[in-house]
N, C-alpha and C. Protein backbone atom coordinates (compact mmCIF):
# COMPACT_ATOMS: atom_id res chain seq x y z
N MET A 1 0.92 -1.11 -0.05
CA MET A 1 0.02 -0.11 0.12
C MET A 1 0.80 1.22 0.21
N LEU A 2 0.53 2.02 -0.84
CA LEU A 2 1.31 3.54 -1.01
C LEU A 2 1.05 4.27 0.29
N PRO A 3 1.90 4.97 0.82
CA PRO A 3 1.77 5.81 1.77
C PRO A 3 1.15 7.31 1.42
N GLU A 4 0.82 8.17 2.27
CA GLU A 4 0.45 9.41 1.76
C GLU A 4 1.48 9.88 0.74
N LYS A 5 0.94 10.92 -0.07
CA LYS A 5 1.61 11.37 -1.06
C LYS A 5 2.92 12.45 -0.56
N LYS A 6 2.69 12.84 0.67
CA LYS A 6 3.66 13.82 1.30
C LYS A 6 4.84 12.92 1.67
N PHE A 7 4.85 11.70 1.54
CA PHE A 7 6.04 10.49 2.16
C PHE A 7 6.61 10.01 0.83
N ILE A 8 5.98 10.37 -0.39
CA ILE A 8 6.60 9.88 -1.71
C ILE A 8 7.38 10.79 -2.47
N ALA A 9 8.61 10.38 -3.08
CA ALA A 9 9.28 11.00 -4.25
C ALA A 9 9.56 10.06 -5.30
N SER A 10 9.42 10.91 -6.48
CA SER A 10 9.75 10.24 -7.52
C SER A 10 11.10 10.46 -8.14
N PHE A 11 11.80 9.57 -8.68
CA PHE A 11 13.41 9.64 -9.16
C PHE A 11 13.39 9.31 -10.46
N ASP A 12 13.79 10.20 -11.47
CA ASP A 12 14.17 9.80 -12.73
C ASP A 12 15.71 9.74 -12.94
N ILE A 13 15.99 8.64 -13.37
CA ILE A 13 17.53 8.13 -13.28
C ILE A 13 18.10 8.25 -14.44
N ASP A 14 18.75 9.29 -14.57
CA ASP A 14 19.65 9.58 -15.90
C ASP A 14 18.97 9.16 -17.18
N ALA A 15 17.98 9.90 -17.52
CA ALA A 15 16.77 9.68 -18.24
C ALA A 15 17.29 10.84 -19.33
N GLN A 16 18.48 10.52 -19.87
CA GLN A 16 19.23 11.59 -20.99
C GLN A 16 19.36 10.98 -22.34
N ASN A 17 19.58 11.82 -23.22
CA ASN A 17 19.54 11.44 -24.68
C ASN A 17 20.75 10.70 -24.93
N THR A 18 21.83 10.84 -24.27
CA THR A 18 22.89 9.84 -24.26
C THR A 18 23.01 8.33 -24.03
N PHE A 19 21.69 7.81 -23.43
CA PHE A 19 21.50 6.64 -23.22
C PHE A 19 20.09 6.22 -24.23
N THR A 20 20.13 6.92 -25.37
CA THR A 20 18.97 6.74 -26.22
C THR A 20 19.73 6.66 -27.76
N PRO A 21 18.94 6.37 -28.81
CA PRO A 21 19.20 6.44 -30.10
C PRO A 21 19.42 7.62 -30.57
N VAL A 22 19.03 8.74 -29.91
CA VAL A 22 19.19 9.92 -30.30
C VAL A 22 20.65 10.36 -30.39
N CYS A 23 21.21 9.66 -29.75
CA CYS A 23 22.84 9.89 -29.61
C CYS A 23 23.54 8.56 -30.05
N PRO A 24 23.44 8.05 -31.20
CA PRO A 24 23.83 6.47 -31.62
C PRO A 24 25.46 6.24 -31.22
N ASP A 25 26.27 7.38 -31.27
CA ASP A 25 27.76 7.04 -31.13
C ASP A 25 28.06 7.29 -29.22
N GLU A 26 27.31 7.15 -28.59
CA GLU A 26 27.31 7.31 -27.09
C GLU A 26 27.06 6.18 -26.41
N LEU A 27 25.79 5.85 -25.65
CA LEU A 27 25.54 4.52 -25.24
C LEU A 27 24.23 4.45 -25.33
N PRO A 28 23.77 4.19 -26.47
CA PRO A 28 22.29 4.00 -26.86
C PRO A 28 21.81 2.71 -26.19
N VAL A 29 20.80 2.98 -25.63
CA VAL A 29 19.79 2.19 -25.13
C VAL A 29 18.45 1.99 -26.05
N ALA A 30 18.12 0.69 -26.57
CA ALA A 30 16.85 0.64 -27.28
C ALA A 30 15.81 1.56 -26.51
N GLU A 31 14.88 2.05 -27.37
CA GLU A 31 13.78 2.58 -26.89
C GLU A 31 13.97 3.42 -25.40
N GLY A 32 15.13 3.74 -25.44
CA GLY A 32 15.39 4.70 -24.12
C GLY A 32 14.78 6.16 -24.17
N ASP A 33 14.46 6.41 -25.51
CA ASP A 33 13.75 7.95 -25.64
C ASP A 33 12.34 7.78 -25.55
N THR A 34 11.71 6.52 -25.02
CA THR A 34 10.05 6.31 -24.98
C THR A 34 9.64 6.29 -23.50
N ILE A 35 10.41 6.72 -22.61
CA ILE A 35 10.14 6.66 -21.31
C ILE A 35 9.41 7.86 -20.57
N ALA A 36 9.68 8.86 -21.14
CA ALA A 36 8.98 10.16 -20.49
C ALA A 36 7.83 10.00 -19.99
N GLY A 37 6.62 9.54 -20.72
CA GLY A 37 5.46 9.50 -20.54
C GLY A 37 5.17 8.67 -19.09
N GLU A 38 5.94 7.54 -18.96
CA GLU A 38 5.61 6.80 -17.57
C GLU A 38 6.48 7.59 -16.52
N LEU A 39 7.66 8.46 -16.86
CA LEU A 39 8.39 8.97 -15.58
C LEU A 39 7.40 9.98 -15.21
N ASN A 40 6.65 10.96 -16.10
CA ASN A 40 5.71 11.95 -16.11
C ASN A 40 4.51 11.26 -14.94
N ALA A 41 3.99 10.10 -15.38
CA ALA A 41 2.90 9.51 -14.76
C ALA A 41 3.17 9.26 -13.35
N GLN A 42 4.46 8.89 -12.97
CA GLN A 42 4.75 8.28 -11.86
C GLN A 42 5.02 9.43 -10.85
N ALA A 43 5.49 10.46 -11.59
CA ALA A 43 5.43 11.73 -10.53
C ALA A 43 4.22 12.01 -10.23
N ALA A 44 3.20 12.04 -10.62
CA ALA A 44 1.67 12.29 -10.29
C ALA A 44 1.73 11.94 -9.03
N PHE A 45 2.16 10.93 -8.64
CA PHE A 45 1.84 9.93 -7.11
C PHE A 45 2.89 10.80 -5.93
N ALA A 46 3.69 11.41 -6.40
CA ALA A 46 4.92 12.04 -5.49
C ALA A 46 4.61 13.73 -5.07
N SER A 47 5.16 13.66 -4.11
CA SER A 47 5.26 14.86 -3.47
C SER A 47 6.52 15.88 -4.13
N LEU A 48 7.56 14.93 -4.29
CA LEU A 48 8.93 15.36 -4.57
C LEU A 48 9.39 14.78 -5.96
N ARG A 49 9.95 15.54 -6.72
CA ARG A 49 10.50 14.84 -8.15
C ARG A 49 11.83 15.37 -7.99
N ILE A 50 12.59 13.99 -8.49
CA ILE A 50 14.29 14.16 -8.28
C ILE A 50 14.60 13.53 -9.65
N ALA A 51 15.76 13.87 -10.08
CA ALA A 51 16.46 13.70 -11.20
C ALA A 51 17.87 13.52 -11.01
N SER A 52 18.48 12.56 -11.60
CA SER A 52 20.16 12.28 -11.71
C SER A 52 20.39 12.59 -13.27
N ARG A 53 21.67 13.09 -13.59
CA ARG A 53 22.20 13.26 -14.71
C ARG A 53 23.82 13.00 -14.70
N ASP A 54 24.27 11.98 -15.59
CA ASP A 54 25.64 11.70 -15.96
C ASP A 54 26.17 13.34 -16.24
N ALA A 55 27.25 13.64 -15.98
CA ALA A 55 27.64 15.05 -16.11
C ALA A 55 29.12 14.96 -15.97
N HIS A 56 29.58 14.57 -17.46
CA HIS A 56 31.04 14.10 -17.58
C HIS A 56 31.79 15.27 -18.01
N PRO A 57 32.71 15.54 -17.88
CA PRO A 57 33.92 16.35 -18.66
C PRO A 57 34.28 15.62 -20.03
N SER A 58 34.84 16.56 -20.78
CA SER A 58 35.55 16.26 -22.22
C SER A 58 36.86 15.40 -21.83
N GLY A 59 37.65 15.76 -20.98
CA GLY A 59 39.07 15.18 -20.66
C GLY A 59 38.86 14.13 -19.58
N ALA A 60 37.69 13.23 -19.52
CA ALA A 60 37.65 12.06 -18.49
C ALA A 60 38.62 11.08 -18.86
N LEU A 61 39.35 10.86 -17.58
CA LEU A 61 40.25 9.51 -17.70
C LEU A 61 39.83 8.12 -17.84
N TRP A 62 38.47 8.04 -17.77
CA TRP A 62 38.06 6.72 -18.27
C TRP A 62 37.50 6.70 -19.56
N LEU A 63 37.86 7.55 -20.46
CA LEU A 63 37.40 7.64 -22.10
C LEU A 63 38.33 6.60 -22.78
N SER A 64 37.59 5.83 -23.58
CA SER A 64 37.93 4.62 -24.42
C SER A 64 38.55 5.30 -25.51
N SER A 65 39.24 4.57 -26.42
CA SER A 65 40.07 4.84 -27.52
C SER A 65 40.17 3.82 -28.57
N LYS A 66 41.01 3.82 -29.45
CA LYS A 66 41.20 2.82 -30.38
C LYS A 66 41.92 1.70 -29.81
N ASP A 67 43.22 2.23 -28.84
CA ASP A 67 44.12 1.24 -28.12
C ASP A 67 43.68 0.72 -26.75
N LEU A 68 42.40 1.61 -26.16
CA LEU A 68 42.05 1.05 -24.89
C LEU A 68 40.47 1.02 -25.35
N PRO A 69 39.84 -0.14 -25.76
CA PRO A 69 38.52 -0.21 -26.05
C PRO A 69 37.37 -0.21 -24.82
N PRO A 70 36.08 0.25 -25.14
CA PRO A 70 35.09 0.27 -24.21
C PRO A 70 35.01 -1.10 -23.51
N LEU A 71 34.90 -1.14 -22.11
CA LEU A 71 34.75 -2.23 -21.22
C LEU A 71 36.11 -2.78 -20.98
N SER A 72 37.14 -2.03 -21.10
CA SER A 72 38.65 -2.52 -20.77
C SER A 72 38.63 -1.94 -19.38
N PRO A 73 39.43 -2.70 -18.41
CA PRO A 73 39.55 -2.48 -17.19
C PRO A 73 40.72 -1.28 -16.69
N ILE A 74 40.42 -0.64 -16.03
CA ILE A 74 41.21 0.38 -15.39
C ILE A 74 41.70 0.21 -13.72
N THR A 75 42.95 0.32 -13.95
CA THR A 75 43.59 0.22 -12.74
C THR A 75 44.36 1.45 -12.24
N GLY A 76 44.51 1.65 -11.23
CA GLY A 76 45.22 2.78 -10.42
C GLY A 76 44.21 4.15 -9.76
N TYR A 77 42.88 3.94 -10.21
CA TYR A 77 42.10 5.02 -10.03
C TYR A 77 41.01 4.12 -9.09
N PRO A 78 41.06 4.56 -7.93
CA PRO A 78 39.94 3.63 -7.07
C PRO A 78 38.33 3.98 -7.33
N ASP A 79 38.04 4.96 -8.21
CA ASP A 79 36.89 5.47 -8.49
C ASP A 79 36.56 5.18 -10.04
N LEU A 80 37.36 4.69 -10.65
CA LEU A 80 37.13 4.14 -12.16
C LEU A 80 37.54 2.73 -12.33
N ASP A 81 36.55 2.13 -13.01
CA ASP A 81 36.51 0.52 -13.15
C ASP A 81 36.78 0.03 -14.44
N LEU A 82 35.88 0.56 -15.56
CA LEU A 82 36.08 0.26 -17.14
C LEU A 82 36.05 1.76 -18.03
N ARG A 83 36.26 1.42 -19.07
CA ARG A 83 36.59 2.56 -20.05
C ARG A 83 35.09 2.61 -20.78
N TRP A 84 34.56 3.62 -21.05
CA TRP A 84 33.67 3.86 -21.69
C TRP A 84 33.65 4.74 -22.83
N PRO A 85 32.80 4.71 -24.00
CA PRO A 85 32.76 5.82 -24.96
C PRO A 85 32.45 7.09 -24.35
N ALA A 86 32.89 8.17 -25.07
CA ALA A 86 32.36 9.65 -24.59
C ALA A 86 30.96 9.57 -24.48
N HIS A 87 30.45 10.00 -23.47
CA HIS A 87 29.01 10.35 -23.41
C HIS A 87 28.66 11.41 -22.36
N ALA A 88 27.65 11.90 -22.29
CA ALA A 88 26.76 12.94 -21.33
C ALA A 88 27.80 13.77 -21.12
N ILE A 89 28.36 14.54 -22.16
CA ILE A 89 29.38 15.37 -21.56
C ILE A 89 28.47 16.84 -21.45
N VAL A 90 29.04 17.60 -20.33
CA VAL A 90 28.47 18.57 -20.25
C VAL A 90 28.26 19.88 -21.23
N GLY A 91 26.59 20.34 -21.52
CA GLY A 91 26.79 21.35 -22.76
C GLY A 91 26.47 20.42 -24.01
N SER A 92 26.50 19.06 -24.19
CA SER A 92 26.19 18.33 -25.37
C SER A 92 24.78 17.99 -25.22
N LYS A 93 24.51 17.70 -26.42
CA LYS A 93 23.14 17.02 -26.59
C LYS A 93 22.68 15.74 -25.52
N GLY A 94 24.04 14.83 -25.57
CA GLY A 94 23.82 13.88 -24.89
C GLY A 94 23.40 14.23 -23.27
N PHE A 95 23.87 15.39 -22.78
CA PHE A 95 23.92 15.62 -21.54
C PHE A 95 22.43 15.65 -21.06
N ASP A 96 21.25 16.47 -22.23
CA ASP A 96 20.28 17.02 -22.08
C ASP A 96 19.29 15.87 -21.70
N PHE A 97 18.23 16.20 -20.81
CA PHE A 97 17.12 15.00 -20.76
C PHE A 97 16.31 14.73 -22.05
N ILE A 98 15.81 13.68 -21.96
CA ILE A 98 15.15 13.06 -23.04
C ILE A 98 13.73 13.83 -23.40
N ALA A 99 13.60 14.17 -24.60
CA ALA A 99 12.20 14.62 -25.00
C ALA A 99 10.91 14.30 -24.05
N GLY A 100 10.20 15.29 -23.77
CA GLY A 100 9.33 14.95 -22.81
C GLY A 100 9.33 15.40 -21.65
N LEU A 101 10.60 15.58 -21.10
CA LEU A 101 11.03 15.87 -19.43
C LEU A 101 11.40 17.21 -19.54
N ASP A 102 10.69 18.10 -18.48
CA ASP A 102 11.04 19.38 -18.29
C ASP A 102 11.80 19.52 -17.32
N PRO A 103 12.94 20.34 -17.52
CA PRO A 103 14.18 20.64 -16.45
C PRO A 103 13.66 21.22 -15.16
N ALA A 104 12.65 21.92 -15.61
CA ALA A 104 12.19 22.81 -14.18
C ALA A 104 11.29 22.12 -13.51
N ALA A 105 10.86 20.94 -13.77
CA ALA A 105 9.74 20.04 -13.06
C ALA A 105 10.35 19.62 -11.79
N TYR A 106 11.87 19.66 -11.68
CA TYR A 106 12.51 18.66 -10.56
C TYR A 106 12.94 19.63 -9.41
N ASP A 107 12.44 18.96 -8.48
CA ASP A 107 12.75 19.62 -7.16
C ASP A 107 14.33 19.67 -6.53
N PHE A 108 14.92 18.47 -7.00
CA PHE A 108 16.56 18.31 -6.75
C PHE A 108 17.02 17.47 -7.80
N GLN A 109 18.41 17.99 -8.42
CA GLN A 109 18.83 17.22 -9.37
C GLN A 109 20.55 17.09 -9.01
N VAL A 110 20.82 15.66 -9.21
CA VAL A 110 22.24 15.04 -8.82
C VAL A 110 22.83 15.24 -10.26
N PHE A 111 24.02 15.96 -10.28
CA PHE A 111 25.08 15.80 -11.44
C PHE A 111 26.05 14.91 -10.92
N LYS A 112 26.20 13.86 -11.81
CA LYS A 112 27.25 13.05 -11.16
C LYS A 112 28.48 12.67 -12.20
N GLY A 113 29.50 12.47 -11.80
CA GLY A 113 30.73 11.97 -12.57
C GLY A 113 31.34 13.30 -13.43
N ILE A 114 31.13 14.47 -12.78
CA ILE A 114 31.89 15.61 -13.00
C ILE A 114 33.38 15.63 -12.93
N GLU A 115 33.92 15.00 -12.08
CA GLU A 115 35.42 14.88 -11.81
C GLU A 115 36.03 13.94 -12.67
N PRO A 116 37.05 14.14 -13.35
CA PRO A 116 37.84 13.33 -14.68
C PRO A 116 38.24 12.00 -14.10
N ASP A 117 38.47 11.73 -12.88
CA ASP A 117 38.95 10.69 -12.30
C ASP A 117 37.78 9.88 -11.44
N LYS A 118 36.51 10.03 -11.79
CA LYS A 118 35.36 9.57 -11.07
C LYS A 118 34.46 8.94 -12.29
N HIS A 119 33.76 8.05 -11.91
CA HIS A 119 32.92 7.43 -13.01
C HIS A 119 31.66 6.64 -12.32
N PRO A 120 31.08 7.21 -11.21
CA PRO A 120 29.78 6.40 -10.51
C PRO A 120 28.69 6.01 -11.28
N TYR A 121 28.26 4.99 -11.04
CA TYR A 121 26.82 4.36 -11.43
C TYR A 121 25.69 5.01 -10.90
N GLY A 122 25.56 4.36 -9.38
CA GLY A 122 24.52 4.90 -8.83
C GLY A 122 24.50 6.54 -8.33
N ALA A 123 23.21 7.09 -8.20
CA ALA A 123 23.04 8.44 -8.10
C ALA A 123 23.19 8.98 -6.77
N CYS A 124 23.48 8.27 -5.66
CA CYS A 124 23.76 8.61 -4.43
C CYS A 124 24.79 9.05 -3.73
N TYR A 125 25.67 8.66 -4.82
CA TYR A 125 27.04 8.72 -4.28
C TYR A 125 27.91 8.99 -5.66
N HIS A 126 29.16 9.90 -5.35
CA HIS A 126 30.03 10.41 -6.15
C HIS A 126 31.15 9.18 -6.65
N ASP A 127 31.30 8.48 -5.78
CA ASP A 127 32.70 7.38 -5.64
C ASP A 127 31.96 6.17 -5.55
N LEU A 128 32.87 5.01 -6.07
CA LEU A 128 32.40 3.83 -6.25
C LEU A 128 32.19 3.06 -5.03
N GLY A 129 32.96 3.80 -3.99
CA GLY A 129 32.80 3.03 -2.56
C GLY A 129 31.51 3.52 -1.77
N ASP A 130 30.98 4.40 -2.70
CA ASP A 130 29.46 4.89 -1.60
C ASP A 130 29.88 5.67 -0.31
N LYS A 131 30.91 6.18 -0.52
CA LYS A 131 31.43 6.96 0.88
C LYS A 131 31.04 8.65 0.62
N LEU A 132 31.04 9.35 -0.88
CA LEU A 132 31.02 10.56 -0.99
C LEU A 132 29.51 11.05 -1.56
N SER A 133 28.90 11.44 -0.43
CA SER A 133 27.22 11.42 -0.94
C SER A 133 26.96 12.83 -1.74
N THR A 134 25.72 12.23 -2.68
CA THR A 134 25.64 13.51 -3.81
C THR A 134 24.80 14.41 -3.12
N GLY A 135 24.25 14.05 -1.58
CA GLY A 135 23.22 14.86 -1.02
C GLY A 135 21.78 14.30 -1.15
N VAL A 136 21.53 13.50 -2.03
CA VAL A 136 20.06 13.18 -2.42
C VAL A 136 19.47 12.49 -1.24
N ILE A 137 20.09 11.50 -0.80
CA ILE A 137 19.55 10.64 0.44
C ILE A 137 19.25 11.64 1.71
N GLU A 138 20.23 12.59 2.14
CA GLU A 138 19.97 13.45 2.95
C GLU A 138 18.50 14.41 2.59
N TYR A 139 18.63 14.86 1.08
CA TYR A 139 17.55 15.80 0.67
C TYR A 139 16.21 14.88 1.11
N LEU A 140 16.26 13.82 0.78
CA LEU A 140 15.10 12.93 1.02
C LEU A 140 14.60 12.63 2.52
N ARG A 141 15.67 12.28 3.39
CA ARG A 141 15.35 12.25 4.64
C ARG A 141 14.70 13.69 5.36
N CYS A 142 15.12 14.74 5.04
CA CYS A 142 15.08 15.89 5.56
C CYS A 142 13.46 16.41 4.94
N HIS A 143 13.06 15.70 3.96
CA HIS A 143 11.58 16.16 3.60
C HIS A 143 10.75 15.13 3.79
N GLY A 144 11.08 14.09 4.79
CA GLY A 144 10.46 13.19 5.46
C GLY A 144 9.86 12.00 4.29
N ILE A 145 10.76 11.76 3.33
CA ILE A 145 10.32 10.77 2.61
C ILE A 145 10.81 9.36 2.97
N THR A 146 9.65 8.30 2.67
CA THR A 146 10.05 7.02 3.28
C THR A 146 9.87 6.30 1.73
N THR A 147 9.25 6.43 0.59
CA THR A 147 8.97 5.65 -0.46
C THR A 147 9.80 6.49 -1.60
N VAL A 148 10.23 5.88 -2.80
CA VAL A 148 11.02 6.61 -3.75
C VAL A 148 10.38 5.34 -4.95
N ILE A 149 9.72 6.00 -5.68
CA ILE A 149 9.40 5.28 -7.08
C ILE A 149 10.52 5.71 -8.24
N CYS A 150 10.87 4.81 -8.82
CA CYS A 150 12.11 4.99 -9.65
C CYS A 150 12.00 4.34 -11.13
N GLY A 151 12.47 5.15 -12.10
CA GLY A 151 12.68 4.72 -13.36
C GLY A 151 13.68 5.50 -14.21
N GLY A 152 14.22 5.23 -15.23
CA GLY A 152 15.38 5.55 -15.91
C GLY A 152 16.13 5.01 -16.55
N LEU A 153 17.38 5.19 -17.10
CA LEU A 153 18.09 4.55 -17.77
C LEU A 153 19.81 4.13 -17.55
N ALA A 154 20.43 3.03 -17.36
CA ALA A 154 19.68 1.74 -18.16
C ALA A 154 19.29 0.83 -16.68
N THR A 155 18.48 0.07 -16.94
CA THR A 155 17.95 -0.66 -15.78
C THR A 155 19.17 -1.48 -15.49
N ASP A 156 19.99 -1.88 -15.78
CA ASP A 156 21.20 -2.88 -15.50
C ASP A 156 22.49 -2.22 -15.04
N TYR A 157 22.42 -0.95 -15.06
CA TYR A 157 23.54 -0.23 -14.66
C TYR A 157 23.14 0.91 -13.54
N CYS A 158 22.82 1.98 -13.92
CA CYS A 158 22.43 3.11 -12.99
C CYS A 158 21.15 3.00 -12.56
N VAL A 159 20.27 2.63 -13.20
CA VAL A 159 18.94 2.30 -12.17
C VAL A 159 19.23 1.41 -10.84
N LYS A 160 19.90 0.26 -11.23
CA LYS A 160 20.00 -0.76 -10.53
C LYS A 160 20.87 -0.31 -9.25
N ASN A 161 22.08 0.44 -9.75
CA ASN A 161 22.97 0.92 -8.65
C ASN A 161 22.28 1.76 -7.53
N THR A 162 21.21 2.76 -8.19
CA THR A 162 20.73 3.70 -7.64
C THR A 162 19.43 3.29 -6.53
N VAL A 163 18.87 2.41 -7.23
CA VAL A 163 17.93 1.68 -6.45
C VAL A 163 18.36 0.89 -5.14
N LEU A 164 19.65 0.06 -5.28
CA LEU A 164 20.23 -0.49 -4.03
C LEU A 164 20.70 0.26 -3.10
N GLN A 165 21.19 1.64 -3.73
CA GLN A 165 21.74 2.51 -2.65
C GLN A 165 20.51 3.02 -1.76
N LEU A 166 19.45 3.35 -2.50
CA LEU A 166 18.24 3.76 -1.58
C LEU A 166 17.77 2.75 -0.67
N ARG A 167 17.74 1.67 -1.19
CA ARG A 167 17.46 0.48 -0.39
C ARG A 167 18.45 0.21 1.06
N ARG A 168 19.63 0.55 0.64
CA ARG A 168 20.52 0.42 1.61
C ARG A 168 20.37 1.60 2.66
N ALA A 169 19.81 2.51 2.20
CA ALA A 169 19.67 3.94 3.07
C ALA A 169 18.08 3.46 3.86
N SER A 170 17.64 2.38 3.62
CA SER A 170 16.38 2.43 4.05
C SER A 170 15.00 2.97 3.93
N PHE A 171 15.37 3.29 2.47
CA PHE A 171 13.99 3.65 1.75
C PHE A 171 13.30 2.50 1.36
N ASP A 172 11.91 2.63 1.31
CA ASP A 172 11.27 1.72 0.37
C ASP A 172 10.96 2.22 -0.80
N VAL A 173 11.57 1.40 -2.03
CA VAL A 173 11.57 1.75 -3.27
C VAL A 173 10.67 0.89 -4.30
N ILE A 174 9.99 1.53 -5.04
CA ILE A 174 9.12 1.07 -6.11
C ILE A 174 9.70 1.20 -7.47
N LEU A 175 10.13 0.15 -8.34
CA LEU A 175 10.66 0.32 -9.91
C LEU A 175 9.54 0.13 -10.67
N ASN A 176 9.22 1.19 -11.58
CA ASN A 176 8.48 1.20 -12.51
C ASN A 176 9.11 0.69 -13.91
N LYS A 177 8.65 -0.58 -13.85
CA LYS A 177 9.16 -1.05 -14.91
C LYS A 177 9.02 -0.73 -16.48
N ALA A 178 7.79 -0.04 -16.54
CA ALA A 178 7.36 0.73 -17.96
C ALA A 178 8.36 1.97 -18.07
N ALA A 179 8.96 2.47 -17.00
CA ALA A 179 9.90 3.49 -17.14
C ALA A 179 11.27 3.46 -17.14
N CYS A 180 11.68 2.34 -17.45
CA CYS A 180 13.22 1.95 -17.72
C CYS A 180 13.15 1.28 -19.08
N ARG A 181 14.53 1.30 -19.37
CA ARG A 181 15.11 0.36 -20.38
C ARG A 181 16.31 -0.08 -20.21
N GLY A 182 16.61 -1.38 -20.75
CA GLY A 182 18.10 -2.05 -20.36
C GLY A 182 18.79 -2.32 -21.41
N ILE A 183 20.04 -2.68 -21.24
CA ILE A 183 21.12 -2.91 -22.32
C ILE A 183 20.92 -4.19 -22.98
N ALA A 184 20.76 -5.32 -22.14
CA ALA A 184 20.83 -6.65 -22.51
C ALA A 184 20.06 -7.48 -21.53
N PRO A 185 19.16 -8.46 -22.28
CA PRO A 185 18.50 -9.40 -21.44
C PRO A 185 19.06 -9.85 -20.41
N ASP A 186 20.41 -10.55 -20.35
CA ASP A 186 21.00 -11.04 -19.35
C ASP A 186 21.30 -10.26 -18.06
N THR A 187 22.08 -9.28 -18.60
CA THR A 187 22.23 -8.39 -17.29
C THR A 187 20.80 -7.62 -16.86
N VAL A 188 19.94 -7.39 -17.49
CA VAL A 188 18.77 -6.73 -16.98
C VAL A 188 18.04 -7.72 -15.81
N ALA A 189 18.23 -9.11 -16.46
CA ALA A 189 17.67 -10.09 -15.65
C ALA A 189 18.20 -10.27 -14.35
N ALA A 190 19.46 -10.19 -14.39
CA ALA A 190 20.70 -10.13 -13.41
C ALA A 190 20.38 -8.99 -12.30
N ALA A 191 20.13 -7.63 -12.90
CA ALA A 191 19.52 -6.59 -12.13
C ALA A 191 18.18 -6.68 -11.34
N MET A 192 17.25 -7.38 -11.96
CA MET A 192 15.96 -7.46 -11.40
C MET A 192 16.22 -8.31 -10.38
N GLU A 193 16.89 -9.43 -10.59
CA GLU A 193 16.86 -10.35 -9.32
C GLU A 193 17.75 -9.80 -8.26
N ALA A 194 18.60 -9.02 -8.41
CA ALA A 194 19.41 -8.27 -7.29
C ALA A 194 18.35 -7.12 -6.55
N MET A 195 17.90 -6.60 -7.20
CA MET A 195 16.76 -5.48 -6.57
C MET A 195 15.65 -6.37 -5.91
N ASN A 196 15.00 -7.58 -6.57
CA ASN A 196 14.34 -8.28 -5.73
C ASN A 196 14.77 -8.59 -4.43
N ALA A 197 15.81 -9.18 -4.39
CA ALA A 197 16.68 -9.70 -3.38
C ALA A 197 16.75 -8.64 -2.35
N ALA A 198 16.88 -7.41 -2.54
CA ALA A 198 17.00 -6.36 -1.72
C ALA A 198 15.69 -5.65 -1.03
N GLY A 199 14.68 -6.41 -1.66
CA GLY A 199 13.17 -5.90 -1.11
C GLY A 199 12.69 -5.13 -1.89
N VAL A 200 12.97 -4.68 -3.21
CA VAL A 200 12.39 -3.71 -4.02
C VAL A 200 11.09 -4.03 -4.59
N HIS A 201 9.92 -3.21 -4.44
CA HIS A 201 8.81 -3.59 -5.08
C HIS A 201 8.81 -3.29 -6.53
N PHE A 202 7.87 -4.08 -7.44
CA PHE A 202 7.73 -3.58 -9.03
C PHE A 202 6.17 -3.38 -9.03
N VAL A 203 6.41 -2.65 -10.16
CA VAL A 203 5.00 -2.37 -10.71
C VAL A 203 5.28 -2.38 -12.41
N ASP A 204 4.20 -2.81 -13.05
CA ASP A 204 4.50 -3.13 -14.43
C ASP A 204 4.20 -1.52 -15.20
N CYS A 205 3.59 -0.82 -14.53
CA CYS A 205 3.64 0.57 -15.09
C CYS A 205 2.94 1.80 -14.20
N ALA A 206 3.10 2.70 -14.30
CA ALA A 206 2.29 4.02 -13.75
C ALA A 206 1.01 3.68 -12.96
N ALA A 207 0.35 3.49 -14.00
CA ALA A 207 -1.39 3.10 -13.44
C ALA A 207 -1.47 2.19 -12.44
N ASP A 208 -0.63 0.89 -12.39
CA ASP A 208 -0.67 0.26 -11.23
C ASP A 208 -0.29 0.67 -9.77
N LEU A 209 0.44 1.78 -9.81
CA LEU A 209 0.50 2.58 -8.45
C LEU A 209 -0.85 2.90 -7.80
N ALA A 210 -1.81 3.26 -8.65
CA ALA A 210 -3.15 3.78 -8.11
C ALA A 210 -3.85 2.34 -7.21
N ARG A 211 -3.36 1.12 -7.62
CA ARG A 211 -3.99 -0.14 -7.11
C ARG A 211 -3.20 -0.74 -5.63
N LEU A 212 -2.02 0.09 -5.37
CA LEU A 212 -1.10 -0.29 -4.29
C LEU A 212 -1.96 -0.01 -2.88
């Protein structure tokens, strides 16, 4: 059962062009540009609306190249694990929200990965060790939020990590599956299993929230 609206926040996780076919040379997720309607619908059940965005510099140390391909491991930097193509560079089209989302609609936004030597996945911490807070957990707590409805991109990376961080911070979390898109079936399945094991609740779409 959903609590009163004043205790609920809606969280749009990395719903940016960089993770959609709009930016095919970055990190496109199939149908990633189709989730705005569901994100807007779930926000109607919440008193606060939160967003996170990858916000990367052009000189990031994790950038892949011809000699250092994507997904190759990185050593020597505690907050970098893998190399990635350039994506979500601040000021680029990839950094922007997907069409249908209004930047002014959010009560709180997280910009993550702005440091050249950090590439976090979850939106609650700037580092991979979950020590350097982005402030979103504290913001939710100080507003009395107990339940967070989540959606975004991609299910198997930033969504999963953010949801698990919120659960470890003792929030009740609901994942709106229609508001998410993932990269690959096997990693999406593993992410769903991990979130289920952590006590995350799932709905097929925002309309189902009315029946909780």
